[in-house]
């Protein structure tokens, strides 16, 4: 390292006797030339921070790393970077905005994106004079037919719908025509659908986003 302008650490961190903890210690750092730059994107524990601080203090060297510690993180000759790209201010702002938009889309339209345990689902904007239902069911044969039958018995005509499944869960988004119907009519249909065997929960997207939720709790209708 005596003649190197840049020294890059590319070794694993190994604890214990014979390991690599503090391997960039006084003996190594003492051989750095004035102004030498140490690049550490391996592990912070590989560097003896006190030894390196002496180099930074007296030899105009630089330390570039994504592993800040109490000794070096605010040293004027340290360049400390985010450990992950997701930790930058811009990335965190974008992630927060994406999360907020995802939740908003679900509350306002029933759209599901980026879920770990539900299928992705998107239905075009609800037509005029319609109400949107979202229905979570077990992923078993015949569920869609039973749901459609409940709407027909309530004299509610289906305008558009989608059915997506993932593993044991199915998710339905249904827009029905409510011309000539009142709130009581579609609330009654919601209860009937929710209490069907195999239905886990339902939601009517009407009025305040996030309301209109119903669930079948062991045979009891919960809203």
Protein backbone atom coordinates (compact mmCIF):
# COMPACT_ATOMS: atom_id res chain seq x y z
CA UNK A 1 0.00 0.00 0.00
CA UNK A 2 3.00 2.32 0.26
CA UNK A 3 2.72 3.55 -3.32
CA UNK A 4 -1.05 3.36 -3.72
CA UNK A 5 -3.18 6.45 -4.16
CA UNK A 6 -6.37 4.40 -3.67
CA UNK A 7 -6.75 1.31 -1.51
CA UNK A 8 -9.94 -0.76 -1.89
CA UNK A 9 -11.01 -3.38 0.65
CA UNK A 10 -12.58 -6.46 -0.93
CA UNK A 11 -12.53 -9.18 1.74
CA UNK A 12 -15.17 -10.76 4.00
CA UNK A 13 -15.48 -9.93 7.68
CA UNK A 14 -14.48 -12.89 9.88
CA UNK A 15 -14.68 -12.71 13.64
CA UNK A 16 -12.34 -14.38 16.11
CA UNK A 17 -8.67 -15.31 16.19
CA UNK A 18 -7.12 -15.29 12.76
CA UNK A 19 -10.10 -13.35 11.41
CA UNK A 20 -10.26 -10.03 9.62
CA UNK A 21 -11.59 -7.78 12.38
CA UNK A 22 -9.58 -4.53 12.27
CA UNK A 23 -7.29 -5.92 9.58
CA UNK A 24 -6.74 -2.38 8.31
CA UNK A 25 -4.99 -1.44 11.54
CA UNK A 26 -2.00 0.68 12.61
CA UNK A 27 0.55 -1.47 10.76
CA UNK A 28 -1.29 -1.12 7.45
CA UNK A 29 -2.47 2.45 7.87
CA UNK A 30 1.03 3.50 8.92
CA UNK A 31 2.25 2.58 5.43
CA UNK A 32 -0.33 4.73 3.64
CA UNK A 33 1.21 7.52 1.59
CA UNK A 34 0.13 11.08 2.27
CA UNK A 35 -3.26 11.73 0.67
CA UNK A 36 -4.07 8.05 0.16
CA UNK A 37 -7.77 7.26 -0.16
CA UNK A 38 -9.25 4.17 1.49
CA UNK A 39 -12.39 2.73 -0.15
CA UNK A 40 -14.39 0.41 2.10
CA UNK A 41 -17.63 -1.06 0.77
CA UNK A 42 -17.04 -4.47 2.39
CA UNK A 43 -17.60 -4.17 6.17
CA UNK A 44 -16.97 -1.40 8.65
CA UNK A 45 -15.39 -3.75 11.19
CA UNK A 46 -12.46 -4.42 8.83
CA UNK A 47 -11.05 -0.96 9.61
CA UNK A 48 -9.45 0.16 12.87
CA UNK A 49 -11.20 3.52 13.06
CA UNK A 50 -8.76 5.09 15.53
CA UNK A 51 -5.77 4.14 13.39
CA UNK A 52 -7.42 5.50 10.24
CA UNK A 53 -8.41 8.70 12.04
CA UNK A 54 -4.71 9.41 12.60
CA UNK A 55 -4.13 9.15 8.86
CA UNK A 56 -7.07 11.43 8.09
CA UNK A 57 -5.97 13.97 10.68
CA UNK A 58 -2.37 14.30 9.60
CA UNK A 59 -1.93 13.13 6.02
CA UNK A 60 -4.81 14.71 4.10
CA UNK A 61 -6.13 11.27 3.29
CA UNK A 62 -9.72 10.35 2.57
CA UNK A 63 -12.04 7.56 3.71
CA UNK A 64 -14.94 6.61 1.47
CA UNK A 65 -17.40 4.07 2.88
CA UNK A 66 -21.02 3.16 3.38
CA UNK A 67 -20.36 1.95 6.95
CA UNK A 68 -20.39 4.97 9.29
CA UNK A 69 -19.16 4.63 12.85
CA UNK A 70 -18.91 6.90 15.87
CA UNK A 71 -15.27 7.82 15.17
CA UNK A 72 -15.26 8.56 11.44
CA UNK A 73 -18.78 9.38 10.31
CA UNK A 74 -18.43 13.15 10.80
CA UNK A 75 -14.71 13.52 10.10
CA UNK A 76 -14.12 16.25 7.48
CA UNK A 77 -12.02 13.83 5.42
CA UNK A 78 -14.63 11.06 5.48
CA UNK A 79 -17.12 10.60 2.68
CA UNK A 80 -19.92 8.47 4.11
CA UNK A 81 -22.51 7.22 1.63
CA UNK A 82 -25.90 5.54 2.16
CA UNK A 83 -25.45 1.82 2.62
CA UNK A 84 -28.38 1.11 0.27
CA UNK A 85 -29.76 3.02 -2.67
CA UNK A 86 -33.13 2.90 -0.93
CA UNK A 87 -31.69 4.99 1.90
CA UNK A 88 -31.16 8.13 -0.17
CA UNK A 89 -33.51 11.01 0.49
CA UNK A 90 -34.85 10.81 -3.05
CA UNK A 91 -35.48 7.06 -2.83
CA UNK A 92 -37.22 7.37 0.54
CA UNK A 93 -39.46 10.15 -0.80
CA UNK A 94 -40.32 8.04 -3.86
CA UNK A 95 -41.01 4.95 -1.73
CA UNK A 96 -43.26 6.93 0.61
CA UNK A 97 -45.15 8.43 -2.33
CA UNK A 98 -45.57 5.00 -3.92
CA UNK A 99 -46.88 3.52 -0.66
CA UNK A 100 -49.34 6.38 -0.21
CA UNK A 101 -50.58 6.07 -3.81
CA UNK A 102 -50.96 2.29 -3.41
CA UNK A 103 -53.08 2.68 -0.27
CA UNK A 104 -55.09 5.49 -1.84
CA UNK A 105 -55.83 3.43 -4.96
CA UNK A 106 -57.06 0.54 -2.81
CA UNK A 107 -59.30 2.74 -0.66
CA UNK A 108 -60.78 4.68 -3.58
CA UNK A 109 -61.02 2.06 -6.33
CA UNK A 110 -60.23 -1.36 -4.82
CA UNK A 111 -57.04 -1.62 -6.89
CA UNK A 112 -54.37 -3.92 -5.43
CA UNK A 113 -50.71 -3.45 -6.34
CA UNK A 114 -47.51 -4.90 -4.89
CA UNK A 115 -49.26 -7.07 -2.30
CA UNK A 116 -47.35 -9.98 -0.75
CA UNK A 117 -50.42 -12.16 -0.17
CA UNK A 118 -53.16 -10.87 -2.49
CA UNK A 119 -53.38 -10.94 -6.27
CA UNK A 120 -52.83 -7.77 -8.25
CA UNK A 121 -56.14 -6.39 -9.47
CA UNK A 122 -57.27 -3.32 -11.39
CA UNK A 123 -60.67 -2.53 -12.90
CA UNK A 124 -61.28 0.52 -15.05
CA UNK A 125 -63.10 3.49 -13.53
CA UNK A 126 -66.63 2.70 -12.39
CA UNK A 127 -69.31 3.71 -14.91
CA UNK A 128 -71.84 6.41 -14.11
CA UNK A 129 -74.68 5.45 -11.74
CA UNK A 130 -72.79 2.45 -10.42
CA UNK A 131 -71.45 1.19 -7.12
CA UNK A 132 -68.26 -0.82 -6.77
CA UNK A 133 -68.07 -3.94 -4.61
CA UNK A 134 -64.84 -5.68 -3.65
CA UNK A 135 -65.20 -9.23 -2.38
CA UNK A 136 -62.52 -11.49 -0.90
CA UNK A 137 -63.25 -15.20 -1.09
CA UNK A 138 -61.61 -18.56 -0.76
CA UNK A 139 -60.20 -19.64 -4.10
CA UNK A 140 -62.67 -22.45 -4.71
CA UNK A 141 -64.92 -23.33 -7.67
CA UNK A 142 -68.35 -21.73 -7.90
CA UNK A 143 -67.74 -18.58 -5.86
CA UNK A 144 -68.15 -16.18 -8.77
CA UNK A 145 -71.42 -17.84 -9.75
CA UNK A 146 -72.80 -17.51 -6.21
CA UNK A 147 -71.82 -13.84 -6.09
CA UNK A 148 -73.42 -13.14 -9.46
CA UNK A 149 -76.59 -14.90 -8.32
CA UNK A 150 -76.78 -12.70 -5.22
CA UNK A 151 -76.59 -9.57 -7.35
CA UNK A 152 -79.27 -10.91 -9.68
CA UNK A 153 -81.59 -11.69 -6.75
CA UNK A 154 -81.11 -8.11 -5.56
CA UNK A 155 -82.02 -6.83 -9.04
CA UNK A 156 -78.57 -5.28 -9.40
CA UNK A 157 -77.13 -5.58 -12.90
CA UNK A 158 -73.37 -6.21 -13.19
CA UNK A 159 -71.73 -3.67 -15.52
CA UNK A 160 -68.14 -4.90 -15.31
CA UNK A 161 -66.08 -7.16 -13.09
CA UNK A 162 -62.74 -8.91 -12.59
CA UNK A 163 -61.72 -11.96 -10.62
CA UNK A 164 -58.09 -12.60 -9.69
CA UNK A 165 -56.64 -15.29 -7.45
CA UNK A 166 -53.41 -16.03 -5.65
CA UNK A 167 -52.92 -19.21 -3.72
CA UNK A 168 -55.95 -19.83 -1.51
CA UNK A 169 -57.40 -16.32 -1.91
CA UNK A 170 -59.52 -14.82 -4.68
CA UNK A 171 -60.33 -11.14 -5.07
CA UNK A 172 -63.30 -9.78 -6.99
CA UNK A 173 -64.08 -6.25 -8.08
CA UNK A 174 -67.63 -5.75 -9.35
CA UNK A 175 -69.41 -2.63 -10.61
CA UNK A 176 -73.22 -2.80 -10.49
CA UNK A 177 -75.87 -0.47 -11.87
CA UNK A 178 -77.81 1.23 -9.05
CA UNK A 179 -80.28 3.16 -11.22
CA UNK A 180 -83.59 3.10 -9.34
CA UNK A 181 -81.99 1.67 -6.19
CA UNK A 182 -81.17 3.19 -2.83
CA UNK A 183 -78.43 2.61 -0.28
CA UNK A 184 -80.58 0.08 1.59
CA UNK A 185 -80.81 -2.10 -1.52
CA UNK A 186 -77.10 -2.57 -2.09
CA UNK A 187 -76.35 -2.81 1.63
CA UNK A 188 -78.75 -5.74 1.79
CA UNK A 189 -77.03 -7.40 -1.13
CA UNK A 190 -73.66 -6.86 0.55
CA UNK A 191 -74.83 -8.67 3.66
CA UNK A 192 -76.15 -11.56 1.60
CA UNK A 193 -72.87 -11.88 -0.33
CA UNK A 194 -70.74 -11.58 2.80
CA UNK A 195 -72.60 -14.42 4.47
CA UNK A 196 -72.13 -16.79 1.54
CA UNK A 197 -70.06 -19.88 2.31
CA UNK A 198 -66.50 -19.18 1.22
CA UNK A 199 -66.72 -15.37 1.34
CA UNK A 200 -64.16 -13.84 3.71
CA UNK A 201 -65.02 -10.16 3.50
CA UNK A 202 -66.59 -7.51 1.31
CA UNK A 203 -66.50 -3.77 0.81
CA UNK A 204 -68.79 -1.26 -0.86
CA UNK A 205 -66.83 1.68 -2.21
CA UNK A 206 -69.32 4.43 -1.58
CA UNK A 207 -69.03 7.76 0.22
CA UNK A 208 -65.96 8.09 2.45
CA UNK A 209 -63.01 5.98 1.15
CA UNK A 210 -62.15 3.12 3.48
CA UNK A 211 -65.66 2.63 4.84
CA UNK A 212 -68.26 0.07 3.76
CA UNK A 213 -66.31 -2.94 5.02
CA UNK A 214 -68.07 -6.13 6.13
CA UNK A 215 -66.88 -9.54 7.31
CA UNK A 216 -68.31 -12.95 8.09
CA UNK A 217 -67.09 -13.80 11.58
CA UNK A 218 -67.99 -17.42 12.20
CA UNK A 219 -71.54 -16.92 10.97
CA UNK A 220 -72.04 -13.39 12.39
CA UNK A 221 -72.29 -10.39 10.09
CA UNK A 222 -69.78 -7.76 11.20
CA UNK A 223 -69.66 -4.23 9.77
